[in-house]
Amino acid sequence: MTTMPAFHGAHVDGSDEIRVGLIGCGGRGTGAARNVVDAAPGVRIVAMADAFKDRLDESRTILTSRLADKMAVTDDTCFVGLDAYKKLLETNVNYVILATPPSFRPGHIKAAVTAGKYIFAEKPVAVDGAGVRSCLESFDEINKKGLGLVTGTLYRHHTGYLESIKRVHEGAIGDVLTAYGWYNTTMLWRKDRQPEWTDLEYQMRNWLYYTWLSGDHLVEQAVHNLDALNWIMGANPVAAVSTGGRQTRTAPEWGHIYDHFAVDYEYPNGKHVQMFTRQQDGCEKKVANEVVGTKGRAFILPRFSITGAQPWTLEAPINDAYVVEHTDFITSIRAGKPLNELKQIAESSLVGILGREAAYTGKRLTWEEALATPSLFPEKLEWGPMPMPPVPMPGVTA
């Protein structure tokens, strides 16, 4: 028999306590902890876990200084190490935030479901087909147990996206012909290697630049816009042809991922959708989606408008989706109807994996081939040597 979290079916007035455990204490995890406290009454942070003590200590100091009585973490509810998440899940937390590097997400989700916790999982939820398959199994288990999971694909809770895509689906631009996505931005942070770090520690502290940890930036960062494209099209792509490479991040300290991709996704009924990503300094930024229909166009982020037969411009204020995604989740839990977004973000993560693998190999790949890809996660994870894989070479990489 499944033991449900204490606030399952709680009162609508939000009087029941939500005890949050944070797994992954980097910048995004720390931010998510602040967001959940702002999202609803009756929320406290009660436990924290991270592979690295300095990251946990830094996050704990920040949260303690800013959250006042909402921060109830003690030394006994702080856990460090590769197995820290297991120890946290043994505590009385009933709502966990999963914000470690993405490759850990499938295993952490599975463990949290087994422990009977409600889950907020940062995006993406997998970096390979094996991880997606695991998440789809967890999706079913979440439904069976009456639990819930919301992910950090904040566009699903964003006023501009909700209003724009609602109108597209209602026919404001006619039949959808094609759509575009862009996540063209700058280079991100990197940490210099310290003498005491093993290969594994160095890679985990620079997780963005290793495919086994991040999935490459098409999966890790652009998943927001890939999820929006799937949402717009109302389907998963059937295949992809892709290109990409390294132009500016060519030195070994940038790992082995690409710094740009351009993907052509083929959706059902022969429709094609394009996605462009770039992490390069000195270039024009563009993070947006655009939809082309038979009677107009929808422009989604940074502005929200429709041109053509039914012109429209968003006039409502834009909400803080980082907070609202938690508000929506907590509201659903307290109403006894918890949201479960895992399937949609697992599929959106696979959209990124499909495009990445098509670029890495130089082949047209199908949805089924991407879903069948094996795990990139090491068979045995321990502090010590971990050689960096070579940069993927189209026409050479299998």
Protein backbone atom coordinates (compact mmCIF):
# COMPACT_ATOMS: atom_id res chain seq x y z
CA MET A 1 0.00 0.00 0.00
CA THR A 2 1.30 3.45 -0.93
CA THR A 3 1.75 6.00 1.85
CA MET A 4 0.69 9.38 0.57
CA PRO A 5 2.38 12.66 1.54
CA ALA A 6 0.72 14.28 4.53
CA PHE A 7 -0.89 17.11 2.58
CA HIS A 8 -2.55 14.97 -0.10
CA GLY A 9 -6.12 16.25 -0.42
CA ALA A 10 -5.31 19.17 1.85
CA HIS A 11 -7.58 22.09 2.47
CA VAL A 12 -7.99 24.58 -0.37
CA ASP A 13 -7.07 27.42 1.99
CA GLY A 14 -3.47 26.15 1.94
CA SER A 15 -3.16 25.71 5.71
CA ASP A 16 -1.31 22.38 5.47
CA GLU A 17 2.46 22.52 5.55
CA ILE A 18 4.50 21.76 2.45
CA ARG A 19 7.94 20.55 3.53
CA VAL A 20 10.39 21.07 0.70
CA GLY A 21 13.60 19.15 0.15
CA LEU A 22 16.11 20.64 -2.31
CA ILE A 23 18.26 18.18 -4.26
CA GLY A 24 20.88 20.10 -6.23
CA CYS A 25 21.99 23.36 -4.60
CA GLY A 26 23.42 25.29 -7.54
CA GLY A 27 22.06 28.55 -8.88
CA ARG A 28 18.87 27.10 -10.36
CA GLY A 29 18.15 24.96 -7.32
CA THR A 30 18.63 27.92 -5.00
CA GLY A 31 16.37 30.01 -7.23
CA ALA A 32 13.69 27.31 -7.31
CA ALA A 33 13.73 27.12 -3.51
CA ARG A 34 13.07 30.86 -3.33
CA ASN A 35 10.34 30.54 -5.96
CA VAL A 36 8.42 27.81 -4.13
CA VAL A 37 8.38 29.80 -0.90
CA ASP A 38 6.90 32.76 -2.81
CA ALA A 39 4.36 30.52 -4.54
CA ALA A 40 1.97 29.72 -1.69
CA PRO A 41 1.44 29.95 2.06
CA GLY A 42 2.47 27.13 4.35
CA VAL A 43 5.75 26.32 2.58
CA ARG A 44 9.08 25.68 4.33
CA ILE A 45 12.48 24.47 3.12
CA VAL A 46 13.42 21.68 5.54
CA ALA A 47 16.22 19.64 3.89
CA MET A 48 19.02 20.05 1.35
CA ALA A 49 21.29 17.69 -0.58
CA ASP A 50 24.18 18.14 -2.98
CA ALA A 51 27.23 16.24 -4.19
CA PHE A 52 29.45 19.10 -2.97
CA LYS A 53 29.48 20.59 0.52
CA ASP A 54 30.63 24.04 -0.61
CA ARG A 55 27.66 24.32 -2.99
CA LEU A 56 25.23 23.27 -0.28
CA ASP A 57 26.76 25.65 2.27
CA GLU A 58 26.64 28.58 -0.14
CA SER A 59 23.02 27.89 -1.06
CA ARG A 60 22.03 27.44 2.58
CA THR A 61 23.60 30.78 3.51
CA ILE A 62 21.76 32.58 0.70
CA LEU A 63 18.41 31.00 1.51
CA THR A 64 18.75 31.54 5.26
CA SER A 65 19.49 35.24 4.74
CA ARG A 66 16.53 35.76 2.41
CA LEU A 67 13.77 33.43 3.53
CA ALA A 68 13.70 34.13 7.28
CA ASP A 69 11.24 31.78 9.03
CA LYS A 70 10.59 29.85 5.79
CA MET A 71 14.01 28.24 6.08
CA ALA A 72 13.96 25.35 8.57
CA VAL A 73 17.05 23.41 7.47
CA THR A 74 19.31 22.06 10.23
CA ASP A 75 22.73 20.40 10.14
CA ASP A 76 20.95 17.07 10.53
CA THR A 77 18.88 17.67 7.38
CA CYS A 78 21.84 18.57 5.16
CA PHE A 79 23.29 15.73 3.11
CA VAL A 80 26.44 15.65 0.96
CA GLY A 81 27.77 13.15 -1.55
CA LEU A 82 26.70 11.18 -4.58
CA ASP A 83 24.09 9.39 -2.45
CA ALA A 84 22.85 12.53 -0.68
CA TYR A 85 19.53 12.44 -2.50
CA LYS A 86 18.74 9.02 -1.00
CA LYS A 87 19.25 10.34 2.53
CA LEU A 88 17.06 13.38 1.88
CA LEU A 89 14.25 11.20 0.54
CA GLU A 90 14.26 9.29 3.84
CA THR A 91 13.28 12.45 5.74
CA ASN A 92 9.74 13.82 6.23
CA VAL A 93 9.86 16.09 3.16
CA ASN A 94 6.74 15.81 1.01
CA TYR A 95 7.75 18.04 -1.95
CA VAL A 96 11.16 17.67 -3.57
CA ILE A 97 12.93 19.98 -6.00
CA LEU A 98 15.26 18.12 -8.37
CA ALA A 99 17.87 20.55 -9.72
CA THR A 100 21.00 18.47 -10.23
CA PRO A 101 22.62 18.11 -13.68
CA PRO A 102 19.99 16.62 -16.02
CA SER A 103 21.54 13.17 -16.41
CA PHE A 104 20.68 12.43 -12.78
CA ARG A 105 17.02 13.33 -13.29
CA PRO A 106 15.57 9.96 -14.39
CA GLY A 107 17.07 8.13 -11.41
CA HIS A 108 16.14 10.84 -8.95
CA ILE A 109 12.58 10.96 -10.26
CA LYS A 110 12.25 7.19 -9.93
CA ALA A 111 13.60 7.29 -6.36
CA ALA A 112 11.32 10.17 -5.36
CA VAL A 113 8.26 8.39 -6.76
CA THR A 114 9.20 5.24 -4.84
CA ALA A 115 9.50 7.38 -1.70
CA GLY A 116 6.02 8.84 -2.28
CA LYS A 117 7.01 12.48 -2.79
CA TYR A 118 5.52 15.20 -4.95
CA ILE A 119 8.18 16.36 -7.41
CA PHE A 120 9.26 19.59 -9.03
CA ALA A 121 11.86 18.55 -11.63
CA GLU A 122 13.97 21.05 -13.48
CA LYS A 123 14.24 20.68 -17.23
CA PRO A 124 15.25 18.64 -19.16
CA VAL A 125 14.36 15.32 -17.54
CA ALA A 126 16.71 13.14 -19.61
CA VAL A 127 19.80 13.33 -21.85
CA ASP A 128 19.34 10.05 -23.76
CA GLY A 129 16.65 7.65 -24.90
CA ALA A 130 17.19 5.38 -21.91
CA GLY A 131 16.44 8.28 -19.56
CA VAL A 132 13.30 9.17 -21.50
CA ARG A 133 12.11 5.58 -21.29
CA SER A 134 12.67 5.61 -17.53
CA CYS A 135 10.69 8.85 -17.20
CA LEU A 136 7.77 7.44 -19.17
CA GLU A 137 7.67 4.52 -16.73
CA SER A 138 7.76 6.96 -13.80
CA PHE A 139 4.91 8.95 -15.39
CA ASP A 140 2.70 5.90 -15.14
CA GLU A 141 3.79 5.21 -11.56
CA ILE A 142 3.03 8.80 -10.55
CA ASN A 143 -0.50 8.42 -11.88
CA LYS A 144 -0.96 5.04 -10.16
CA LYS A 145 0.15 6.45 -6.81
CA GLY A 146 -1.85 9.68 -7.07
CA LEU A 147 1.31 11.75 -6.84
CA GLY A 148 2.27 14.64 -9.13
CA LEU A 149 5.18 16.19 -11.00
CA VAL A 150 5.66 19.61 -12.53
CA THR A 151 8.73 20.55 -14.53
CA GLY A 152 10.70 23.73 -15.05
CA THR A 153 9.45 24.29 -18.59
CA LEU A 154 7.98 27.55 -17.39
CA TYR A 155 6.37 28.52 -20.73
CA ARG A 156 3.54 26.12 -19.85
CA HIS A 157 2.71 28.51 -16.99
CA HIS A 158 3.61 31.79 -18.75
CA THR A 159 0.86 34.29 -19.59
CA GLY A 160 2.29 35.17 -23.00
CA TYR A 161 2.71 31.60 -24.18
CA LEU A 162 -0.62 30.42 -22.76
CA GLU A 163 -2.57 33.24 -24.41
CA SER A 164 -0.70 33.07 -27.73
CA ILE A 165 -0.84 29.31 -28.22
CA LYS A 166 -4.47 29.19 -27.13
CA ARG A 167 -5.31 31.53 -30.02
CA VAL A 168 -3.21 29.55 -32.48
CA HIS A 169 -5.06 26.37 -31.49
CA GLU A 170 -8.39 28.19 -31.85
CA GLY A 171 -7.55 29.04 -35.47
CA ALA A 172 -6.53 32.69 -35.22
CA ILE A 173 -3.87 32.17 -37.91
CA GLY A 174 -5.73 29.47 -39.84
CA ASP A 175 -4.13 26.09 -40.35
CA VAL A 176 -0.56 25.91 -39.04
CA LEU A 177 1.91 25.47 -41.89
CA THR A 178 5.23 25.64 -40.05
CA ALA A 179 6.88 27.00 -36.91
CA TYR A 180 10.30 28.25 -35.87
CA GLY A 181 12.24 28.27 -32.64
CA TRP A 182 15.37 30.17 -31.66
CA TYR A 183 17.57 29.97 -28.59
CA ASN A 184 20.53 32.05 -29.70
CA THR A 185 22.33 33.39 -26.66
CA THR A 186 25.80 33.97 -25.18
CA MET A 187 28.40 31.64 -23.74
CA LEU A 188 27.74 30.57 -20.17
CA TRP A 189 29.83 30.16 -17.01
CA ARG A 190 32.78 27.81 -16.59
CA LYS A 191 34.87 26.88 -13.53
CA ASP A 192 38.66 26.51 -13.67
CA ARG A 193 40.00 23.15 -12.57
CA GLN A 194 41.41 22.94 -9.05
CA PRO A 195 44.34 20.62 -8.18
CA GLU A 196 42.29 18.52 -5.76
CA TRP A 197 39.46 17.82 -8.21
CA THR A 198 39.19 14.40 -9.81
CA ASP A 199 38.02 14.08 -13.41
CA LEU A 200 34.49 13.34 -12.23
CA GLU A 201 34.37 16.35 -9.94
CA TYR A 202 35.72 18.63 -12.66
CA GLN A 203 33.12 17.42 -15.14
CA MET A 204 30.26 17.65 -12.64
CA ARG A 205 31.26 21.20 -11.66
CA ASN A 206 31.31 22.07 -15.38
CA TRP A 207 28.37 19.85 -16.26
CA LEU A 208 27.11 22.09 -19.07
CA TYR A 209 29.92 20.99 -21.37
CA TYR A 210 29.57 17.21 -21.20
CA THR A 211 26.82 15.43 -23.10
CA TRP A 212 26.47 12.66 -20.50
CA LEU A 213 25.62 15.33 -17.91
CA SER A 214 23.73 18.05 -19.81
CA GLY A 215 22.66 16.49 -23.09
CA ASP A 216 24.36 19.39 -24.93
CA HIS A 217 22.75 22.82 -25.02
CA LEU A 218 20.12 21.87 -27.62
CA VAL A 219 18.68 19.56 -24.96
CA GLU A 220 19.57 21.43 -21.78
CA GLN A 221 18.76 25.05 -22.67
CA ALA A 222 16.69 25.02 -25.85
CA VAL A 223 14.25 22.46 -24.44
CA HIS A 224 12.04 25.42 -23.44
CA ASN A 225 11.45 26.33 -27.08
CA LEU A 226 11.38 22.74 -28.28
CA ASP A 227 8.62 22.08 -25.75
CA ALA A 228 6.76 25.09 -27.12
CA LEU A 229 7.09 23.77 -30.69
CA ASN A 230 5.67 20.40 -29.67
CA TRP A 231 2.86 22.19 -27.84
CA ILE A 232 2.10 24.33 -30.90
CA MET A 233 2.15 21.38 -33.29
CA GLY A 234 0.21 19.10 -30.95
CA ALA A 235 2.47 16.18 -31.82
CA ASN A 236 5.99 14.77 -31.66
CA PRO A 237 8.30 14.95 -34.69
CA VAL A 238 8.75 11.76 -36.68
CA ALA A 239 12.33 12.49 -37.78
CA ALA A 240 15.07 15.13 -37.90
CA VAL A 241 17.96 16.26 -40.07
CA SER A 242 20.43 18.46 -38.23
CA THR A 243 23.77 20.20 -38.37
CA GLY A 244 25.99 21.75 -35.73
CA GLY A 245 29.52 22.10 -34.48
CA ARG A 246 32.12 24.08 -32.51
CA GLN A 247 33.23 27.46 -33.86
CA THR A 248 34.11 29.53 -30.80
CA ARG A 249 34.28 27.01 -27.93
CA THR A 250 37.04 24.83 -29.37
CA ALA A 251 39.45 24.44 -26.44
CA PRO A 252 39.36 21.34 -24.19
CA GLU A 253 38.16 23.34 -21.19
CA TRP A 254 34.81 23.70 -22.97
CA GLY A 255 34.29 19.96 -22.90
CA HIS A 256 33.10 18.25 -26.07
CA ILE A 257 29.65 19.70 -26.80
CA TYR A 258 28.71 21.91 -29.76
CA ASP A 259 28.17 25.68 -29.64
CA HIS A 260 25.51 25.81 -32.39
CA PHE A 261 22.80 23.66 -33.97
CA ALA A 262 20.30 24.06 -36.81
CA VAL A 263 17.62 21.37 -36.94
CA ASP A 264 14.86 20.55 -39.41
CA TYR A 265 12.16 18.53 -37.66
CA GLU A 266 9.62 16.62 -39.70
CA TYR A 267 6.23 16.44 -38.01
CA PRO A 268 3.21 14.31 -39.00
CA ASN A 269 1.47 15.17 -42.29
CA GLY A 270 4.78 16.24 -43.79
CA LYS A 271 5.00 19.54 -41.91
CA HIS A 272 8.47 20.85 -41.12
CA VAL A 273 9.62 22.91 -38.13
CA GLN A 274 13.02 24.58 -37.72
CA MET A 275 15.02 25.11 -34.52
CA PHE A 276 18.19 27.21 -34.23
CA THR A 277 20.47 27.39 -31.20
CA ARG A 278 23.73 29.16 -30.49
CA GLN A 279 25.91 29.87 -27.43
CA GLN A 280 28.44 32.34 -28.82
CA ASP A 281 29.55 35.74 -27.53
CA GLY A 282 29.40 38.85 -29.70
CA CYS A 283 26.39 37.65 -31.69
CA GLU A 284 22.81 38.87 -31.80
CA LYS A 285 20.60 37.24 -29.21
CA LYS A 286 17.23 35.79 -30.10
CA VAL A 287 15.04 33.62 -27.90
CA ALA A 288 11.63 33.26 -29.55
CA ASN A 289 9.05 31.14 -31.32
CA GLU A 290 7.09 32.03 -34.46
CA VAL A 291 4.18 30.20 -36.05
CA VAL A 292 3.12 30.58 -39.70
CA GLY A 293 -0.46 29.80 -40.67
CA THR A 294 -2.67 30.07 -43.73
CA LYS A 295 -4.26 33.29 -42.39
CA GLY A 296 -1.54 34.94 -40.35
CA ARG A 297 1.48 34.66 -38.08
CA ALA A 298 1.94 34.39 -34.30
CA PHE A 299 5.01 35.94 -32.69
CA ILE A 300 5.75 34.43 -29.29
CA LEU A 301 8.46 35.98 -27.08
CA PRO A 302 9.81 38.57 -26.67
CA ARG A 303 6.55 40.12 -27.88
CA PHE A 304 3.23 38.32 -28.02
CA SER A 305 1.13 39.21 -31.03
CA ILE A 306 -0.72 37.89 -34.07
CA THR A 307 -0.87 39.45 -37.53
CA GLY A 308 -3.23 38.58 -40.35
CA ALA A 309 -6.98 37.94 -40.38
CA GLN A 310 -7.37 38.14 -36.59
CA PRO A 311 -4.73 40.59 -35.30
CA TRP A 312 -4.04 40.57 -31.59
CA THR A 313 -1.50 41.90 -29.11
CA LEU A 314 -1.17 40.77 -25.51
CA GLU A 315 -2.16 43.57 -23.15
CA ALA A 316 -2.31 41.60 -19.90
CA PRO A 317 0.70 41.80 -17.55
CA ILE A 318 3.25 39.01 -17.81
CA ASN A 319 3.34 36.79 -14.75
CA ASP A 320 6.45 35.43 -13.02
CA ALA A 321 6.30 31.90 -14.41
CA TYR A 322 9.18 30.77 -12.17
CA VAL A 323 6.82 31.28 -9.22
CA VAL A 324 3.52 30.45 -10.91
CA GLU A 325 4.63 26.97 -11.95
CA HIS A 326 4.95 26.15 -8.24
CA THR A 327 1.70 27.94 -7.42
CA ASP A 328 -0.17 25.92 -10.04
CA PHE A 329 1.35 22.69 -8.76
CA ILE A 330 0.62 23.35 -5.08
CA THR A 331 -2.91 24.44 -5.93
CA SER A 332 -3.49 21.19 -7.82
CA ILE A 333 -2.12 19.13 -4.94
CA ARG A 334 -4.26 20.87 -2.37
CA ALA A 335 -7.30 20.32 -4.58
CA GLY A 336 -6.54 16.59 -4.64
CA LYS A 337 -5.87 16.64 -8.40
CA PRO A 338 -2.07 16.86 -8.72
CA LEU A 339 -0.63 17.79 -12.09
CA ASN A 340 1.64 15.34 -13.87
CA GLU A 341 3.71 16.97 -16.65
CA LEU A 342 6.37 14.28 -16.89
CA LYS A 343 5.28 12.71 -20.18
CA GLN A 344 5.20 16.00 -22.09
CA ILE A 345 8.63 17.12 -20.90
CA ALA A 346 10.11 13.64 -21.42
CA GLU A 347 8.91 13.84 -25.02
CA SER A 348 10.21 17.41 -25.39
CA SER A 349 13.57 16.29 -23.99
CA LEU A 350 13.59 13.57 -26.66
CA VAL A 351 12.96 16.21 -29.34
CA GLY A 352 16.29 17.75 -28.29
CA ILE A 353 18.01 14.37 -28.14
CA LEU A 354 16.73 13.57 -31.65
CA GLY A 355 18.14 16.82 -33.06
CA ARG A 356 21.45 16.40 -31.24
CA GLU A 357 22.00 12.84 -32.40
CA ALA A 358 21.10 13.77 -35.98
CA ALA A 359 23.77 16.48 -35.85
CA TYR A 360 26.38 14.32 -34.12
CA THR A 361 25.99 11.50 -36.68
CA GLY A 362 25.11 13.46 -39.81
CA LYS A 363 22.17 11.11 -40.40
CA ARG A 364 18.43 11.53 -40.73
CA LEU A 365 17.15 9.95 -37.53
CA THR A 366 13.65 8.89 -36.59
CA TRP A 367 11.78 9.38 -33.33
CA GLU A 368 11.99 5.64 -32.64
CA GLU A 369 15.75 5.59 -33.20
CA ALA A 370 16.24 8.45 -30.75
CA LEU A 371 14.04 6.75 -28.16
CA ALA A 372 16.12 3.57 -28.51
CA THR A 373 19.47 5.26 -27.77
CA PRO A 374 21.35 3.77 -24.79
CA SER A 375 22.21 5.42 -21.51
CA LEU A 376 25.14 7.84 -21.46
CA PHE A 377 25.40 7.57 -17.67
CA PRO A 378 28.53 5.80 -16.37
CA GLU A 379 27.97 2.22 -15.24
CA LYS A 380 29.80 2.99 -12.00
CA LEU A 381 29.84 6.56 -10.70
CA GLU A 382 32.69 7.26 -8.30
CA TRP A 383 35.22 9.99 -7.65
CA GLY A 384 38.22 9.36 -9.85
CA PRO A 385 39.36 9.24 -13.48
CA MET A 386 36.83 9.88 -16.24
CA PRO A 387 38.28 10.48 -19.71
CA MET A 388 36.47 13.06 -21.83
CA PRO A 389 34.81 11.57 -24.92
CA PRO A 390 35.94 13.00 -28.27
CA VAL A 391 34.03 15.79 -29.97
CA PRO A 392 31.28 14.18 -32.08
CA MET A 393 32.17 14.19 -35.78
CA PRO A 394 29.32 13.92 -38.34
CA GLY A 395 29.95 11.06 -40.73
CA VAL A 396 32.25 9.40 -38.18
CA THR A 397 30.27 9.28 -34.94
CA ALA A 398 27.83 6.37 -34.99
